[in-house]
C-alpha atoms as a PDB file:
ATOM      1  CA  UNK A   1     -51.637 -59.412  89.119  1.00  0.00           C
ATOM      2  CA  UNK A   2     -48.110 -58.065  88.429  1.00  0.00           C
ATOM      3  CA  UNK A   3     -47.106 -61.204  86.552  1.00  0.00           C
ATOM      4  CA  UNK A   4     -50.146 -60.927  84.330  1.00  0.00           C
ATOM      5  CA  UNK A   5     -49.242 -57.362  83.382  1.00  0.00           C
ATOM      6  CA  UNK A   6     -45.642 -58.355  82.511  1.00  0.00           C
ATOM      7  CA  UNK A   7     -46.869 -61.231  80.350  1.00  0.00           C
ATOM      8  CA  UNK A   8     -49.233 -58.983  78.535  1.00  0.00           C
ATOM      9  CA  UNK A   9     -46.460 -56.435  77.857  1.00  0.00           C
ATOM     10  CA  UNK A  10     -44.135 -59.133  76.640  1.00  0.00           C
ATOM     11  CA  UNK A  11     -46.821 -60.498  74.357  1.00  0.00           C
ATOM     12  CA  UNK A  12     -47.576 -57.026  73.048  1.00  0.00           C
ATOM     13  CA  UNK A  13     -43.899 -56.444  72.144  1.00  0.00           C
ATOM     14  CA  UNK A  14     -43.786 -59.773  70.326  1.00  0.00           C
ATOM     15  CA  UNK A  15     -46.834 -58.889  68.333  1.00  0.00           C
ATOM     16  CA  UNK A  16     -45.309 -55.512  67.343  1.00  0.00           C
ATOM     17  CA  UNK A  17     -42.040 -57.103  66.248  1.00  0.00           C
ATOM     18  CA  UNK A  18     -43.818 -59.796  64.265  1.00  0.00           C
ATOM     19  CA  UNK A  19     -46.015 -57.245  62.542  1.00  0.00           C
ATOM     20  CA  UNK A  20     -43.003 -55.054  61.641  1.00  0.00           C
ATOM     21  CA  UNK A  21     -41.142 -58.057  60.250  1.00  0.00           C
ATOM     22  CA  UNK A  22     -44.096 -58.948  58.070  1.00  0.00           C
ATOM     23  CA  UNK A  23     -44.233 -55.406  56.601  1.00  0.00           C
ATOM     24  CA  UNK A  24     -40.547 -55.394  55.700  1.00  0.00           C
ATOM     25  CA  UNK A  25     -40.886 -58.735  53.927  1.00  0.00           C
ATOM     26  CA  UNK A  26     -43.886 -57.554  51.927  1.00  0.00           C
ATOM     27  CA  UNK A  27     -42.128 -54.439  50.668  1.00  0.00           C
ATOM     28  CA  UNK A  28     -38.938 -56.360  49.757  1.00  0.00           C
ATOM     29  CA  UNK A  29     -36.795 -54.969  52.525  1.00  0.00           C
ATOM     30  CA  UNK A  30     -35.311 -57.674  54.726  1.00  0.00           C
ATOM     31  CA  UNK A  31     -35.590 -56.825  58.310  1.00  0.00           C
ATOM     32  CA  UNK A  32     -31.879 -57.365  58.911  1.00  0.00           C
ATOM     33  CA  UNK A  33     -30.593 -55.491  55.734  1.00  0.00           C
ATOM     34  CA  UNK A  34     -28.575 -52.376  56.346  1.00  0.00           C
ATOM     35  CA  UNK A  35     -27.501 -49.647  53.866  1.00  0.00           C
ATOM     36  CA  UNK A  36     -23.771 -49.392  53.379  1.00  0.00           C
ATOM     37  CA  UNK A  37     -21.499 -46.980  51.433  1.00  0.00           C
ATOM     38  CA  UNK A  38     -20.598 -48.279  47.920  1.00  0.00           C
ATOM     39  CA  UNK A  39     -17.418 -46.099  47.553  1.00  0.00           C
ATOM     40  CA  UNK A  40     -14.324 -48.255  47.153  1.00  0.00           C
ATOM     41  CA  UNK A  41     -11.278 -46.966  48.919  1.00  0.00           C
ATOM     42  CA  UNK A  42      -7.855 -47.645  47.385  1.00  0.00           C
ATOM     43  CA  UNK A  43      -5.446 -48.244  50.198  1.00  0.00           C
ATOM     44  CA  UNK A  44      -2.580 -49.439  47.992  1.00  0.00           C
ATOM     45  CA  UNK A  45       0.789 -47.769  48.597  1.00  0.00           C
ATOM     46  CA  UNK A  46       1.616 -44.650  46.430  1.00  0.00           C
ATOM     47  CA  UNK A  47       4.898 -44.551  44.538  1.00  0.00           C
ATOM     48  CA  UNK A  48       6.426 -41.093  44.714  1.00  0.00           C
ATOM     49  CA  UNK A  49       7.882 -39.894  41.377  1.00  0.00           C
ATOM     50  CA  UNK A  50      10.682 -37.396  40.989  1.00  0.00           C
ATOM     51  CA  UNK A  51      11.017 -34.904  38.057  1.00  0.00           C
ATOM     52  CA  UNK A  52      13.931 -32.881  36.861  1.00  0.00           C
ATOM     53  CA  UNK A  53      13.864 -29.090  37.027  1.00  0.00           C
ATOM     54  CA  UNK A  54      11.428 -28.221  34.208  1.00  0.00           C
ATOM     55  CA  UNK A  55      12.392 -24.545  33.963  1.00  0.00           C
ATOM     56  CA  UNK A  56      15.847 -25.513  32.734  1.00  0.00           C
ATOM     57  CA  UNK A  57      14.657 -28.139  30.282  1.00  0.00           C
ATOM     58  CA  UNK A  58      11.833 -26.110  28.731  1.00  0.00           C
ATOM     59  CA  UNK A  59      13.484 -22.704  28.580  1.00  0.00           C
ATOM     60  CA  UNK A  60      13.983 -20.686  25.389  1.00  0.00           C
ATOM     61  CA  UNK A  61      11.886 -18.735  22.889  1.00  0.00           C
ATOM     62  CA  UNK A  62      10.086 -21.835  21.616  1.00  0.00           C
ATOM     63  CA  UNK A  63       8.369 -22.268  24.976  1.00  0.00           C
ATOM     64  CA  UNK A  64       7.285 -18.655  25.450  1.00  0.00           C
ATOM     65  CA  UNK A  65       3.593 -18.461  24.485  1.00  0.00           C
ATOM     66  CA  UNK A  66       2.853 -14.962  25.740  1.00  0.00           C
ATOM     67  CA  UNK A  67       5.108 -12.174  24.549  1.00  0.00           C
ATOM     68  CA  UNK A  68       5.223  -8.604  25.692  1.00  0.00           C
ATOM     69  CA  UNK A  69       5.907  -5.723  23.341  1.00  0.00           C
ATOM     70  CA  UNK A  70       9.444  -5.408  24.697  1.00  0.00           C
ATOM     71  CA  UNK A  71      10.222  -9.051  23.794  1.00  0.00           C
ATOM     72  CA  UNK A  72       8.888  -8.692  20.236  1.00  0.00           C
ATOM     73  CA  UNK A  73      10.639  -7.396  17.135  1.00  0.00           C
ATOM     74  CA  UNK A  74      10.760  -3.801  15.938  1.00  0.00           C
ATOM     75  CA  UNK A  75       7.884  -4.332  13.492  1.00  0.00           C
ATOM     76  CA  UNK A  76       5.571  -5.592  16.237  1.00  0.00           C
ATOM     77  CA  UNK A  77       6.574  -2.679  18.466  1.00  0.00           C
ATOM     78  CA  UNK A  78       5.922  -0.265  15.598  1.00  0.00           C
ATOM     79  CA  UNK A  79       2.444  -1.711  14.971  1.00  0.00           C
ATOM     80  CA  UNK A  80       1.669  -1.517  18.685  1.00  0.00           C
ATOM     81  CA  UNK A  81       2.800   2.118  18.753  1.00  0.00           C
ATOM     82  CA  UNK A  82       0.708   2.855  15.675  1.00  0.00           C
ATOM     83  CA  UNK A  83      -2.291   1.093  17.197  1.00  0.00           C
ATOM     84  CA  UNK A  84      -1.981   3.173  20.376  1.00  0.00           C
ATOM     85  CA  UNK A  85      -1.692   6.327  18.283  1.00  0.00           C
ATOM     86  CA  UNK A  86      -4.858   5.540  16.290  1.00  0.00           C
ATOM     87  CA  UNK A  87      -6.696   4.683  19.476  1.00  0.00           C
ATOM     88  CA  UNK A  88      -5.898   8.108  20.901  1.00  0.00           C
ATOM     89  CA  UNK A  89      -6.544  10.047  17.692  1.00  0.00           C
ATOM     90  CA  UNK A  90      -9.876   8.426  16.803  1.00  0.00           C
ATOM     91  CA  UNK A  91     -11.098   7.552  20.318  1.00  0.00           C
ATOM     92  CA  UNK A  92     -11.378   3.845  19.502  1.00  0.00           C
ATOM     93  CA  UNK A  93     -13.203   1.741  22.057  1.00  0.00           C
ATOM     94  CA  UNK A  94     -10.577  -0.909  22.723  1.00  0.00           C
ATOM     95  CA  UNK A  95      -7.297  -2.553  21.781  1.00  0.00           C
ATOM     96  CA  UNK A  96      -9.060  -4.982  19.429  1.00  0.00           C
ATOM     97  CA  UNK A  97     -10.692  -2.235  17.402  1.00  0.00           C
ATOM     98  CA  UNK A  98      -7.464  -0.234  17.316  1.00  0.00           C
ATOM     99  CA  UNK A  99      -5.532  -3.291  16.132  1.00  0.00           C
ATOM    100  CA  UNK A 100      -8.050  -3.950  13.330  1.00  0.00           C
ATOM    101  CA  UNK A 101      -7.903  -0.297  12.273  1.00  0.00           C
ATOM    102  CA  UNK A 102      -4.104  -0.473  12.216  1.00  0.00           C
ATOM    103  CA  UNK A 103      -4.126  -3.587  10.009  1.00  0.00           C
ATOM    104  CA  UNK A 104      -6.466  -1.895   7.513  1.00  0.00           C
ATOM    105  CA  UNK A 105      -4.336   1.267   7.484  1.00  0.00           C
ATOM    106  CA  UNK A 106      -1.175  -0.745   6.863  1.00  0.00           C
ATOM    107  CA  UNK A 107      -2.792  -2.644   3.983  1.00  0.00           C
ATOM    108  CA  UNK A 108      -3.807   0.645   2.368  1.00  0.00           C
ATOM    109  CA  UNK A 109      -0.255   1.910   2.874  1.00  0.00           C
ATOM    110  CA  UNK A 110       1.156  -1.212   1.181  1.00  0.00           C
ATOM    111  CA  UNK A 111      -1.128  -0.698  -1.823  1.00  0.00           C
ATOM    112  CA  UNK A 112      -0.165   2.987  -2.148  1.00  0.00           C
ATOM    113  CA  UNK A 113       3.562   2.177  -1.958  1.00  0.00           C
ATOM    114  CA  UNK A 114       3.139  -0.564  -4.571  1.00  0.00           C
ATOM    115  CA  UNK A 115       1.315   1.786  -6.932  1.00  0.00           C
ATOM    116  CA  UNK A 116       3.961   4.477  -6.477  1.00  0.00           C
ATOM    117  CA  UNK A 117       6.742   2.008  -7.255  1.00  0.00           C
ATOM    118  CA  UNK A 118       4.923   0.848 -10.387  1.00  0.00           C
ATOM    119  CA  UNK A 119       4.346   4.462 -11.411  1.00  0.00           C
ATOM    120  CA  UNK A 120       8.005   5.472 -11.065  1.00  0.00           C
ATOM    121  CA  UNK A 121       9.192   2.347 -12.891  1.00  0.00           C
ATOM    122  CA  UNK A 122       6.690   3.004 -15.651  1.00  0.00           C
ATOM    123  CA  UNK A 123       7.750   6.642 -15.863  1.00  0.00           C
ATOM    124  CA  UNK A 124      11.448   5.730 -15.983  1.00  0.00           C
ATOM    125  CA  UNK A 125      10.808   3.356 -18.865  1.00  0.00           C
ATOM    126  CA  UNK A 126       8.838   6.020 -20.711  1.00  0.00           C
ATOM    127  CA  UNK A 127      11.562   8.647 -20.282  1.00  0.00           C
ATOM    128  CA  UNK A 128      14.213   6.215 -21.390  1.00  0.00           C
ATOM    129  CA  UNK A 129      12.418   5.019 -24.491  1.00  0.00           C
ATOM    130  CA  UNK A 130      10.790   8.355 -25.319  1.00  0.00           C
ATOM    131  CA  UNK A 131       7.330   6.896 -25.874  1.00  0.00           C
ATOM    132  CA  UNK A 132       4.214   5.681 -24.170  1.00  0.00           C
ATOM    133  CA  UNK A 133       3.606   1.971 -24.244  1.00  0.00           C
ATOM    134  CA  UNK A 134       0.720   2.273 -26.677  1.00  0.00           C
ATOM    135  CA  UNK A 135       2.056   5.247 -28.611  1.00  0.00           C
ATOM    136  CA  UNK A 136       4.329   5.628 -31.570  1.00  0.00           C
ATOM    137  CA  UNK A 137       8.028   5.093 -31.129  1.00  0.00           C
ATOM    138  CA  UNK A 138      10.225   8.148 -30.784  1.00  0.00           C
ATOM    139  CA  UNK A 139      13.884   8.874 -30.789  1.00  0.00           C
ATOM    140  CA  UNK A 140      15.765   8.070 -27.621  1.00  0.00           C
ATOM    141  CA  UNK A 141      17.290  10.670 -25.326  1.00  0.00           C
ATOM    142  CA  UNK A 142      14.443  13.138 -25.908  1.00  0.00           C
ATOM    143  CA  UNK A 143      14.443  15.736 -23.174  1.00  0.00           C
ATOM    144  CA  UNK A 144      11.089  15.766 -21.314  1.00  0.00           C
ATOM    145  CA  UNK A 145       8.822  18.466 -22.681  1.00  0.00           C
ATOM    146  CA  UNK A 146       8.143  20.231 -19.415  1.00  0.00           C
ATOM    147  CA  UNK A 147      11.851  20.604 -18.580  1.00  0.00           C
ATOM    148  CA  UNK A 148      12.442  22.774 -21.635  1.00  0.00           C
ATOM    149  CA  UNK A 149       9.088  24.511 -21.973  1.00  0.00           C
ATOM    150  CA  UNK A 150       9.199  25.755 -18.398  1.00  0.00           C
ATOM    151  CA  UNK A 151      12.783  26.993 -18.702  1.00  0.00           C
ATOM    152  CA  UNK A 152      13.072  28.482 -22.176  1.00  0.00           C
ATOM    153  CA  UNK A 153      14.463  31.752 -20.799  1.00  0.00           C
ATOM    154  CA  UNK A 154      17.513  30.052 -19.246  1.00  0.00           C
ATOM    155  CA  UNK A 155      18.042  27.164 -21.673  1.00  0.00           C
ATOM    156  CA  UNK A 156      21.192  27.135 -23.790  1.00  0.00           C
ATOM    157  CA  UNK A 157      19.505  26.245 -27.066  1.00  0.00           C
ATOM    158  CA  UNK A 158      22.664  26.628 -29.131  1.00  0.00           C
ATOM    159  CA  UNK A 159      24.478  23.942 -27.140  1.00  0.00           C
ATOM    160  CA  UNK A 160      21.400  21.698 -27.031  1.00  0.00           C
ATOM    161  CA  UNK A 161      21.008  21.922 -30.808  1.00  0.00           C
ATOM    162  CA  UNK A 162      24.679  21.121 -31.387  1.00  0.00           C
ATOM    163  CA  UNK A 163      24.371  17.989 -29.247  1.00  0.00           C
ATOM    164  CA  UNK A 164      21.199  16.894 -31.022  1.00  0.00           C
ATOM    165  CA  UNK A 165      22.777  17.448 -34.448  1.00  0.00           C
ATOM    166  CA  UNK A 166      25.897  15.495 -33.487  1.00  0.00           C
ATOM    167  CA  UNK A 167      23.644  12.554 -32.557  1.00  0.00           C
ATOM    168  CA  UNK A 168      21.630  13.074 -35.754  1.00  0.00           C
ATOM    169  CA  UNK A 169      18.568  13.537 -33.616  1.00  0.00           C
ATOM    170  CA  UNK A 170      17.013  16.008 -36.017  1.00  0.00           C
ATOM    171  CA  UNK A 171      13.532  15.848 -34.529  1.00  0.00           C
ATOM    172  CA  UNK A 172      14.832  17.022 -31.192  1.00  0.00           C
ATOM    173  CA  UNK A 173      16.927  19.752 -32.852  1.00  0.00           C
ATOM    174  CA  UNK A 174      13.803  21.097 -34.600  1.00  0.00           C
ATOM    175  CA  UNK A 175      11.989  21.197 -31.286  1.00  0.00           C
ATOM    176  CA  UNK A 176      14.811  23.223 -29.749  1.00  0.00           C
ATOM    177  CA  UNK A 177      14.690  25.614 -32.697  1.00  0.00           C
ATOM    178  CA  UNK A 178      10.953  26.108 -32.211  1.00  0.00           C
ATOM    179  CA  UNK A 179      11.322  26.877 -28.488  1.00  0.00           C
ATOM    180  CA  UNK A 180      14.249  29.152 -29.232  1.00  0.00           C
ATOM    181  CA  UNK A 181      12.012  31.020 -31.675  1.00  0.00           C
ATOM    182  CA  UNK A 182       9.283  31.440 -29.038  1.00  0.00           C
ATOM    183  CA  UNK A 183      11.826  32.885 -26.629  1.00  0.00           C
ATOM    184  CA  UNK A 184      13.095  35.304 -29.253  1.00  0.00           C
ATOM    185  CA  UNK A 185       9.536  36.481 -30.045  1.00  0.00           C
ATOM    186  CA  UNK A 186       8.840  36.884 -26.313  1.00  0.00           C
ATOM    187  CA  UNK A 187      12.023  38.864 -25.700  1.00  0.00           C
ATOM    188  CA  UNK A 188      11.094  41.107 -28.621  1.00  0.00           C
ATOM    189  CA  UNK A 189       7.691  41.603 -26.948  1.00  0.00           C
ATOM    190  CA  UNK A 190       5.884  40.295 -30.002  1.00  0.00           C
ATOM    191  CA  UNK A 191       4.122  37.515 -28.049  1.00  0.00           C
ATOM    192  CA  UNK A 192       3.458  36.596 -24.426  1.00  0.00           C
ATOM    193  CA  UNK A 193       4.859  33.146 -23.842  1.00  0.00           C
ATOM    194  CA  UNK A 194       2.691  30.637 -21.982  1.00  0.00           C
ATOM    195  CA  UNK A 195       3.067  26.871 -21.852  1.00  0.00           C
ATOM    196  CA  UNK A 196      -0.673  26.419 -22.278  1.00  0.00           C
ATOM    197  CA  UNK A 197      -0.888  28.502 -25.458  1.00  0.00           C
ATOM    198  CA  UNK A 198      -1.145  27.005 -28.945  1.00  0.00           C
ATOM    199  CA  UNK A 199       0.352  28.012 -32.281  1.00  0.00           C
ATOM    200  CA  UNK A 200      -2.922  29.721 -33.144  1.00  0.00           C
ATOM    201  CA  UNK A 201      -2.712  31.827 -29.996  1.00  0.00           C
ATOM    202  CA  UNK A 202       0.789  33.040 -30.889  1.00  0.00           C
ATOM    203  CA  UNK A 203      -0.180  33.631 -34.497  1.00  0.00           C
ATOM    204  CA  UNK A 204      -3.077  35.823 -33.366  1.00  0.00           C
ATOM    205  CA  UNK A 205      -0.714  37.928 -31.222  1.00  0.00           C
ATOM    206  CA  UNK A 206       1.677  38.686 -34.093  1.00  0.00           C
ATOM    207  CA  UNK A 207       0.815  41.954 -35.803  1.00  0.00           C
ATOM    208  CA  UNK A 208       3.259  41.964 -38.726  1.00  0.00           C
ATOM    209  CA  UNK A 209       2.206  39.999 -41.804  1.00  0.00           C
ATOM    210  CA  UNK A 210       5.813  38.974 -42.444  1.00  0.00           C
ATOM    211  CA  UNK A 211       6.127  37.580 -38.935  1.00  0.00           C
ATOM    212  CA  UNK A 212       2.771  35.844 -39.264  1.00  0.00           C
ATOM    213  CA  UNK A 213       3.785  34.182 -42.530  1.00  0.00           C
ATOM    214  CA  UNK A 214       7.141  33.050 -41.196  1.00  0.00           C
ATOM    215  CA  UNK A 215       5.605  31.790 -37.977  1.00  0.00           C
ATOM    216  CA  UNK A 216       2.954  29.841 -39.882  1.00  0.00           C
ATOM    217  CA  UNK A 217       5.640  28.101 -41.938  1.00  0.00           C
ATOM    218  CA  UNK A 218       7.975  27.295 -39.038  1.00  0.00           C
ATOM    219  CA  UNK A 219       5.029  26.084 -36.938  1.00  0.00           C
ATOM    220  CA  UNK A 220       4.045  23.797 -39.797  1.00  0.00           C
ATOM    221  CA  UNK A 221       7.560  22.364 -39.945  1.00  0.00           C
ATOM    222  CA  UNK A 222       7.656  21.871 -36.195  1.00  0.00           C
ATOM    223  CA  UNK A 223       4.279  20.118 -36.004  1.00  0.00           C
ATOM    224  CA  UNK A 224       5.055  17.956 -39.029  1.00  0.00           C
ATOM    225  CA  UNK A 225       8.465  16.837 -37.764  1.00  0.00           C
ATOM    226  CA  UNK A 226       7.943  16.696 -34.009  1.00  0.00           C
ATOM    227  CA  UNK A 227       4.339  15.574 -33.555  1.00  0.00           C
ATOM    228  CA  UNK A 228       4.234  13.686 -36.830  1.00  0.00           C
ATOM    229  CA  UNK A 229       7.248  11.673 -35.657  1.00  0.00           C
ATOM    230  CA  UNK A 230       8.578  11.253 -39.186  1.00  0.00           C
ATOM    231  CA  UNK A 231      12.160  10.345 -39.873  1.00  0.00           C
ATOM    232  CA  UNK A 232      13.983  13.449 -41.069  1.00  0.00           C
ATOM    233  CA  UNK A 233      17.049  13.167 -43.272  1.00  0.00           C
ATOM    234  CA  UNK A 234      19.879  15.659 -43.440  1.00  0.00           C
ATOM    235  CA  UNK A 235      18.489  17.586 -46.428  1.00  0.00           C
ATOM    236  CA  UNK A 236      15.060  18.009 -44.834  1.00  0.00           C
ATOM    237  CA  UNK A 237      16.605  19.112 -41.568  1.00  0.00           C
ATOM    238  CA  UNK A 238      18.817  21.659 -43.328  1.00  0.00           C
ATOM    239  CA  UNK A 239      15.728  23.265 -44.915  1.00  0.00           C
ATOM    240  CA  UNK A 240      13.936  23.440 -41.560  1.00  0.00           C
ATOM    241  CA  UNK A 241      17.065  24.737 -39.844  1.00  0.00           C
ATOM    242  CA  UNK A 242      17.433  27.514 -42.429  1.00  0.00           C
ATOM    243  CA  UNK A 243      13.805  28.615 -41.936  1.00  0.00           C
ATOM    244  CA  UNK A 244      14.145  28.766 -38.138  1.00  0.00           C
ATOM    245  CA  UNK A 245      17.534  30.508 -38.043  1.00  0.00           C
ATOM    246  CA  UNK A 246      16.387  33.108 -40.582  1.00  0.00           C
ATOM    247  CA  UNK A 247      13.273  33.907 -38.541  1.00  0.00           C
ATOM    248  CA  UNK A 248      15.200  34.059 -35.268  1.00  0.00           C
ATOM    249  CA  UNK A 249      17.819  36.392 -36.751  1.00  0.00           C
ATOM    250  CA  UNK A 250      15.121  38.663 -38.187  1.00  0.00           C
ATOM    251  CA  UNK A 251      13.444  38.897 -34.793  1.00  0.00           C
ATOM    252  CA  UNK A 252      16.753  39.783 -33.110  1.00  0.00           C
ATOM    253  CA  UNK A 253      17.404  42.460 -35.690  1.00  0.00           C
END
């Protein structure tokens, strides 16, 4: 009885193994195949390489890629200071916005400086030549209008006229005579001098007919010679000079 049971068990195990082997063959998996790792391991010897000290070889400004404000030039430090100032004044949100604001402000500053330089050069040329670029030509060495008109009470017209006459700058001499006349009329309390006033304003203030007639004539000479920018010869200047000196002497008297 015991032998029969052992035979049956042995037969049962054989049947199980045979059935399992048939299933693995059907599904393409050999019964004896095992799964192995496909990673290849390199066990070759490693050659150790030696390098020189890189900090000595690659030292210098060319290998510094991040600079602090202290390492930068004065212009960079100035822009950083200006950026910090704008950030505090206008409560800017960050360094990027402050930097952009600083760049815009500097560009505006460059434009303003450029325009000022052009203006002063242009003005120097005008004062030297005595004319605007698109205006009529005038005599050189003409004293700017505002310098004399605003200081007629302290100007030495006699000396200025002598200099103008010696240079044969008769137009300028006539202008000095006209301003000298206005000062004389003001000192005599016949008119109230004002740079903004016209010849008509002064003529209206004069009460005497003689003074009005003389002022009309001298004003005509002044406007014709100065603003007309006509070349005046010696004879013409002598006539104008006589009219102005006569009127000035009469006012003084």
